C-alpha atoms as a PDB file:
ATOM      1  CA  UNK A   1      -6.006 -26.822  -8.356  1.00  0.00           C
ATOM      2  CA  UNK A   2      -2.889 -24.685  -9.408  1.00  0.00           C
ATOM      3  CA  UNK A   3       0.487 -25.664  -8.616  1.00  0.00           C
ATOM      4  CA  UNK A   4       1.604 -22.164  -6.853  1.00  0.00           C
ATOM      5  CA  UNK A   5       5.402 -22.700  -6.689  1.00  0.00           C
ATOM      6  CA  UNK A   6       5.941 -22.458 -10.791  1.00  0.00           C
ATOM      7  CA  UNK A   7       3.384 -19.280 -11.283  1.00  0.00           C
ATOM      8  CA  UNK A   8       5.755 -15.711 -11.124  1.00  0.00           C
ATOM      9  CA  UNK A   9       5.447 -13.981  -7.950  1.00  0.00           C
ATOM     10  CA  UNK A  10       3.975 -11.415  -9.306  1.00  0.00           C
ATOM     11  CA  UNK A  11       0.690 -13.063 -10.853  1.00  0.00           C
ATOM     12  CA  UNK A  12       1.134 -14.525  -6.699  1.00  0.00           C
ATOM     13  CA  UNK A  13       0.955 -10.875  -5.141  1.00  0.00           C
ATOM     14  CA  UNK A  14      -1.697  -9.633  -7.965  1.00  0.00           C
ATOM     15  CA  UNK A  15      -3.753 -12.486  -6.988  1.00  0.00           C
ATOM     16  CA  UNK A  16      -3.746 -12.731  -3.317  1.00  0.00           C
ATOM     17  CA  UNK A  17      -4.860  -8.560  -3.698  1.00  0.00           C
ATOM     18  CA  UNK A  18      -7.563  -8.907  -6.027  1.00  0.00           C
ATOM     19  CA  UNK A  19      -8.951 -10.874  -3.108  1.00  0.00           C
ATOM     20  CA  UNK A  20      -7.979  -8.819  -0.443  1.00  0.00           C
ATOM     21  CA  UNK A  21      -8.793  -5.566  -2.597  1.00  0.00           C
ATOM     22  CA  UNK A  22     -12.868  -7.102  -2.878  1.00  0.00           C
ATOM     23  CA  UNK A  23     -12.640  -7.563   1.025  1.00  0.00           C
ATOM     24  CA  UNK A  24     -10.869  -3.601   1.528  1.00  0.00           C
ATOM     25  CA  UNK A  25     -13.771  -2.654  -0.438  1.00  0.00           C
ATOM     26  CA  UNK A  26     -16.263  -3.264   1.862  1.00  0.00           C
ATOM     27  CA  UNK A  27     -14.529  -1.607   4.864  1.00  0.00           C
ATOM     28  CA  UNK A  28     -15.643   2.155   6.076  1.00  0.00           C
ATOM     29  CA  UNK A  29     -13.128   4.558   6.361  1.00  0.00           C
ATOM     30  CA  UNK A  30     -12.029   5.292  10.286  1.00  0.00           C
ATOM     31  CA  UNK A  31     -13.242   8.611  12.538  1.00  0.00           C
ATOM     32  CA  UNK A  32     -10.220   9.416  11.490  1.00  0.00           C
ATOM     33  CA  UNK A  33     -10.762  10.166   7.562  1.00  0.00           C
ATOM     34  CA  UNK A  34     -14.371  10.354   7.797  1.00  0.00           C
ATOM     35  CA  UNK A  35     -13.114  14.279   9.063  1.00  0.00           C
ATOM     36  CA  UNK A  36     -11.881  15.497   6.457  1.00  0.00           C
ATOM     37  CA  UNK A  37     -12.993  17.813   3.374  1.00  0.00           C
ATOM     38  CA  UNK A  38     -15.091  16.474   0.688  1.00  0.00           C
ATOM     39  CA  UNK A  39     -12.879  13.041  -0.246  1.00  0.00           C
ATOM     40  CA  UNK A  40     -10.763  13.616  -3.875  1.00  0.00           C
ATOM     41  CA  UNK A  41      -9.408   9.971  -4.845  1.00  0.00           C
ATOM     42  CA  UNK A  42      -9.004   8.612  -8.192  1.00  0.00           C
ATOM     43  CA  UNK A  43      -7.813   5.707 -10.388  1.00  0.00           C
ATOM     44  CA  UNK A  44      -3.818   6.306 -10.926  1.00  0.00           C
ATOM     45  CA  UNK A  45      -3.665   8.088  -7.757  1.00  0.00           C
ATOM     46  CA  UNK A  46      -1.003   4.909  -6.557  1.00  0.00           C
ATOM     47  CA  UNK A  47       0.583   4.988  -9.883  1.00  0.00           C
ATOM     48  CA  UNK A  48       3.767   7.193  -9.286  1.00  0.00           C
ATOM     49  CA  UNK A  49       4.714   3.463  -6.548  1.00  0.00           C
ATOM     50  CA  UNK A  50       4.923   1.174  -9.879  1.00  0.00           C
ATOM     51  CA  UNK A  51       8.037  -0.353 -10.458  1.00  0.00           C
ATOM     52  CA  UNK A  52      11.269  -1.428  -8.952  1.00  0.00           C
ATOM     53  CA  UNK A  53      13.080   1.020  -5.506  1.00  0.00           C
ATOM     54  CA  UNK A  54      15.247   1.311  -2.988  1.00  0.00           C
ATOM     55  CA  UNK A  55      14.159   2.656   0.230  1.00  0.00           C
ATOM     56  CA  UNK A  56      15.865   4.300   3.377  1.00  0.00           C
ATOM     57  CA  UNK A  57      14.215   3.406   6.077  1.00  0.00           C
ATOM     58  CA  UNK A  58      15.151   5.974   9.823  1.00  0.00           C
ATOM     59  CA  UNK A  59      12.930   4.148  11.990  1.00  0.00           C
ATOM     60  CA  UNK A  60      12.005   5.121  16.606  1.00  0.00           C
ATOM     61  CA  UNK A  61      14.047   2.646  18.358  1.00  0.00           C
ATOM     62  CA  UNK A  62      11.340   3.401  20.856  1.00  0.00           C
ATOM     63  CA  UNK A  63       8.123   5.665  20.750  1.00  0.00           C
ATOM     64  CA  UNK A  64       9.156   8.926  22.820  1.00  0.00           C
ATOM     65  CA  UNK A  65      12.791   7.733  21.821  1.00  0.00           C
ATOM     66  CA  UNK A  66      15.650  10.338  20.345  1.00  0.00           C
ATOM     67  CA  UNK A  67      17.462   6.947  18.717  1.00  0.00           C
ATOM     68  CA  UNK A  68      17.142   6.072  15.388  1.00  0.00           C
ATOM     69  CA  UNK A  69      17.494   2.693  13.524  1.00  0.00           C
ATOM     70  CA  UNK A  70      18.657   3.154   9.861  1.00  0.00           C
ATOM     71  CA  UNK A  71      18.589   0.443   7.870  1.00  0.00           C
ATOM     72  CA  UNK A  72      17.937  -0.508   3.310  1.00  0.00           C
ATOM     73  CA  UNK A  73      15.256  -1.965   1.850  1.00  0.00           C
ATOM     74  CA  UNK A  74      14.396  -2.352  -1.101  1.00  0.00           C
ATOM     75  CA  UNK A  75      10.443  -2.891  -2.233  1.00  0.00           C
ATOM     76  CA  UNK A  76       8.790  -3.803  -6.407  1.00  0.00           C
ATOM     77  CA  UNK A  77       5.027  -2.346  -6.914  1.00  0.00           C
ATOM     78  CA  UNK A  78       2.831  -2.656  -8.601  1.00  0.00           C
ATOM     79  CA  UNK A  79      -0.919  -0.577 -10.025  1.00  0.00           C
ATOM     80  CA  UNK A  80      -3.376  -3.053 -10.354  1.00  0.00           C
ATOM     81  CA  UNK A  81      -7.321  -3.599 -11.773  1.00  0.00           C
ATOM     82  CA  UNK A  82      -7.100  -0.038 -14.137  1.00  0.00           C
ATOM     83  CA  UNK A  83      -5.025   1.700 -11.032  1.00  0.00           C
ATOM     84  CA  UNK A  84      -8.021   0.750  -8.689  1.00  0.00           C
ATOM     85  CA  UNK A  85      -5.856  -1.134  -6.635  1.00  0.00           C
ATOM     86  CA  UNK A  86      -1.887  -0.563  -5.813  1.00  0.00           C
ATOM     87  CA  UNK A  87       0.684  -3.817  -4.317  1.00  0.00           C
ATOM     88  CA  UNK A  88       3.861  -3.470  -2.962  1.00  0.00           C
ATOM     89  CA  UNK A  89       6.139  -6.314  -2.105  1.00  0.00           C
ATOM     90  CA  UNK A  90       8.751  -4.493   0.237  1.00  0.00           C
ATOM     91  CA  UNK A  91      11.858  -6.877   1.698  1.00  0.00           C
ATOM     92  CA  UNK A  92      14.404  -5.665   4.017  1.00  0.00           C
ATOM     93  CA  UNK A  93      17.318  -8.551   3.465  1.00  0.00           C
ATOM     94  CA  UNK A  94      19.358  -7.899   6.034  1.00  0.00           C
ATOM     95  CA  UNK A  95      16.547  -8.168   8.210  1.00  0.00           C
ATOM     96  CA  UNK A  96      14.586 -11.994   6.625  1.00  0.00           C
ATOM     97  CA  UNK A  97      11.836  -9.634   6.529  1.00  0.00           C
ATOM     98  CA  UNK A  98       9.141  -8.868   3.595  1.00  0.00           C
ATOM     99  CA  UNK A  99       5.900  -7.416   4.245  1.00  0.00           C
ATOM    100  CA  UNK A 100       2.708  -6.011   0.826  1.00  0.00           C
ATOM    101  CA  UNK A 101       0.960  -3.349   1.284  1.00  0.00           C
ATOM    102  CA  UNK A 102      -2.727  -2.878  -0.254  1.00  0.00           C
ATOM    103  CA  UNK A 103      -4.123  -0.382  -1.063  1.00  0.00           C
ATOM    104  CA  UNK A 104      -7.267   0.453  -3.001  1.00  0.00           C
ATOM    105  CA  UNK A 105      -9.967   2.526  -4.437  1.00  0.00           C
ATOM    106  CA  UNK A 106     -13.551   2.391  -3.239  1.00  0.00           C
ATOM    107  CA  UNK A 107     -14.875   4.715  -5.706  1.00  0.00           C
ATOM    108  CA  UNK A 108     -17.795   5.699  -4.674  1.00  0.00           C
ATOM    109  CA  UNK A 109     -16.424   7.204  -1.606  1.00  0.00           C
ATOM    110  CA  UNK A 110     -13.215   7.878  -3.402  1.00  0.00           C
ATOM    111  CA  UNK A 111     -11.226   7.371  -0.744  1.00  0.00           C
ATOM    112  CA  UNK A 112      -8.760   5.243  -0.617  1.00  0.00           C
ATOM    113  CA  UNK A 113      -7.626   1.757   1.983  1.00  0.00           C
ATOM    114  CA  UNK A 114      -4.067   1.524   3.312  1.00  0.00           C
ATOM    115  CA  UNK A 115      -3.633  -2.045   4.361  1.00  0.00           C
ATOM    116  CA  UNK A 116      -0.709  -4.148   6.013  1.00  0.00           C
ATOM    117  CA  UNK A 117       0.295  -8.217   5.503  1.00  0.00           C
ATOM    118  CA  UNK A 118       3.715  -8.803   7.413  1.00  0.00           C
ATOM    119  CA  UNK A 119       4.917 -12.518   5.796  1.00  0.00           C
ATOM    120  CA  UNK A 120       6.150 -13.767   9.425  1.00  0.00           C
ATOM    121  CA  UNK A 121       2.073 -13.442  10.264  1.00  0.00           C
ATOM    122  CA  UNK A 122       0.276 -13.947   7.088  1.00  0.00           C
ATOM    123  CA  UNK A 123      -2.733 -11.623   8.353  1.00  0.00           C
ATOM    124  CA  UNK A 124      -4.905  -8.078   6.884  1.00  0.00           C
ATOM    125  CA  UNK A 125      -3.171  -5.669   9.582  1.00  0.00           C
ATOM    126  CA  UNK A 126      -5.686  -3.619  11.353  1.00  0.00           C
ATOM    127  CA  UNK A 127      -7.267  -0.655  10.645  1.00  0.00           C
ATOM    128  CA  UNK A 128      -6.016   0.484   7.596  1.00  0.00           C
ATOM    129  CA  UNK A 129      -5.371   4.200   6.856  1.00  0.00           C
ATOM    130  CA  UNK A 130      -7.868   6.103   5.117  1.00  0.00           C
ATOM    131  CA  UNK A 131      -7.231   8.947   2.783  1.00  0.00           C
ATOM    132  CA  UNK A 132      -5.945  10.687  -0.107  1.00  0.00           C
ATOM    133  CA  UNK A 133      -3.426  12.975  -2.330  1.00  0.00           C
ATOM    134  CA  UNK A 134      -4.199  16.226  -2.445  1.00  0.00           C
ATOM    135  CA  UNK A 135      -1.016  18.593  -4.228  1.00  0.00           C
ATOM    136  CA  UNK A 136       0.770  16.069  -5.045  1.00  0.00           C
ATOM    137  CA  UNK A 137       0.450  15.083  -0.777  1.00  0.00           C
ATOM    138  CA  UNK A 138      -0.868  11.895   0.311  1.00  0.00           C
ATOM    139  CA  UNK A 139      -2.541  11.819   3.859  1.00  0.00           C
ATOM    140  CA  UNK A 140      -3.649   8.695   5.458  1.00  0.00           C
ATOM    141  CA  UNK A 141      -4.683   8.231   8.905  1.00  0.00           C
ATOM    142  CA  UNK A 142      -7.027   5.691  11.267  1.00  0.00           C
ATOM    143  CA  UNK A 143      -7.967   5.334  14.595  1.00  0.00           C
ATOM    144  CA  UNK A 144      -5.455   3.027  17.190  1.00  0.00           C
ATOM    145  CA  UNK A 145      -5.060   2.336  20.491  1.00  0.00           C
ATOM    146  CA  UNK A 146      -1.665   2.418  22.282  1.00  0.00           C
ATOM    147  CA  UNK A 147      -2.598  -0.126  24.948  1.00  0.00           C
ATOM    148  CA  UNK A 148      -5.715   1.767  26.285  1.00  0.00           C
ATOM    149  CA  UNK A 149      -4.975   5.220  24.761  1.00  0.00           C
ATOM    150  CA  UNK A 150      -6.827   6.168  21.657  1.00  0.00           C
ATOM    151  CA  UNK A 151      -4.211   7.323  18.506  1.00  0.00           C
ATOM    152  CA  UNK A 152      -4.685   8.885  15.583  1.00  0.00           C
ATOM    153  CA  UNK A 153      -1.967   6.991  13.052  1.00  0.00           C
ATOM    154  CA  UNK A 154      -1.141   8.978  10.106  1.00  0.00           C
ATOM    155  CA  UNK A 155       0.851   8.215   6.550  1.00  0.00           C
ATOM    156  CA  UNK A 156       1.842  10.928   4.266  1.00  0.00           C
ATOM    157  CA  UNK A 157       3.397  10.039   0.512  1.00  0.00           C
ATOM    158  CA  UNK A 158       4.950  13.428  -0.132  1.00  0.00           C
ATOM    159  CA  UNK A 159       8.008  14.131  -2.559  1.00  0.00           C
ATOM    160  CA  UNK A 160       6.700  12.168  -5.816  1.00  0.00           C
ATOM    161  CA  UNK A 161       8.644  12.592  -8.336  1.00  0.00           C
ATOM    162  CA  UNK A 162       9.903   9.485 -11.679  1.00  0.00           C
ATOM    163  CA  UNK A 163      12.804   9.170  -9.835  1.00  0.00           C
ATOM    164  CA  UNK A 164      11.547   8.559  -5.849  1.00  0.00           C
ATOM    165  CA  UNK A 165       9.260  10.033  -3.257  1.00  0.00           C
ATOM    166  CA  UNK A 166       9.066   9.982   0.102  1.00  0.00           C
ATOM    167  CA  UNK A 167       6.612   7.572   3.015  1.00  0.00           C
ATOM    168  CA  UNK A 168       6.879   8.868   6.726  1.00  0.00           C
ATOM    169  CA  UNK A 169       4.396   7.743   9.572  1.00  0.00           C
ATOM    170  CA  UNK A 170       3.514  10.096  12.364  1.00  0.00           C
ATOM    171  CA  UNK A 171       1.233  10.180  16.064  1.00  0.00           C
ATOM    172  CA  UNK A 172      -1.127  11.839  17.490  1.00  0.00           C
ATOM    173  CA  UNK A 173      -2.476  11.012  21.026  1.00  0.00           C
ATOM    174  CA  UNK A 174      -3.912  13.871  20.862  1.00  0.00           C
ATOM    175  CA  UNK A 175      -6.917  13.465  19.007  1.00  0.00           C
ATOM    176  CA  UNK A 176      -4.438  15.353  16.029  1.00  0.00           C
ATOM    177  CA  UNK A 177      -3.185  18.419  18.134  1.00  0.00           C
ATOM    178  CA  UNK A 178       0.792  17.512  18.214  1.00  0.00           C
ATOM    179  CA  UNK A 179       1.914  15.045  15.957  1.00  0.00           C
ATOM    180  CA  UNK A 180       5.223  12.424  16.336  1.00  0.00           C
ATOM    181  CA  UNK A 181       7.109  11.323  13.675  1.00  0.00           C
ATOM    182  CA  UNK A 182       8.447   7.592  13.944  1.00  0.00           C
ATOM    183  CA  UNK A 183       9.322   6.314  10.882  1.00  0.00           C
ATOM    184  CA  UNK A 184      10.494   7.933   7.456  1.00  0.00           C
ATOM    185  CA  UNK A 185      11.254   6.091   4.363  1.00  0.00           C
ATOM    186  CA  UNK A 186      13.007   7.662   1.221  1.00  0.00           C
ATOM    187  CA  UNK A 187      12.823   6.259  -1.301  1.00  0.00           C
ATOM    188  CA  UNK A 188      14.450   5.950  -5.017  1.00  0.00           C
ATOM    189  CA  UNK A 189      13.409   4.291  -8.033  1.00  0.00           C
ATOM    190  CA  UNK A 190      16.255   1.325  -9.062  1.00  0.00           C
END
């Protein structure tokens, strides 16, 4: 038995991520992702994210509201398994919050899945968003529910450069005809 208290954080995260990756590869994309054009995902699509980051968050306080919550965060990200998986450890020290993003490429279907683990709960979140990068923009969607109402959740990676990128999230309550943005994250390389 290994004493995990002496393992570096990166080793622990990579081990956990490899286990999660095996589970994620067995999942199939939701209806929102399968309606898209032919998938073009490839190993290395998330390599831009590897490294240390400072993140400015702007998150809507209530759905449909106009008040935004502004806060700072940080992240450490790794590309593993030859670029077939990407691990993100997100930290928001002022709120005593941490979580892990796990992104895995289904190499056969050429579709990425993007899942979240909240450190407070420790459970791989569902549904996972699925999608691909096209023309430097990664768009990922998932079918979900808000109470009894079906919704589609969309996460987008864009403005990708060597020193920064942006992620933003929106929700559609009308099968994708309109979108309500509810979270923006501006990433700056530390």
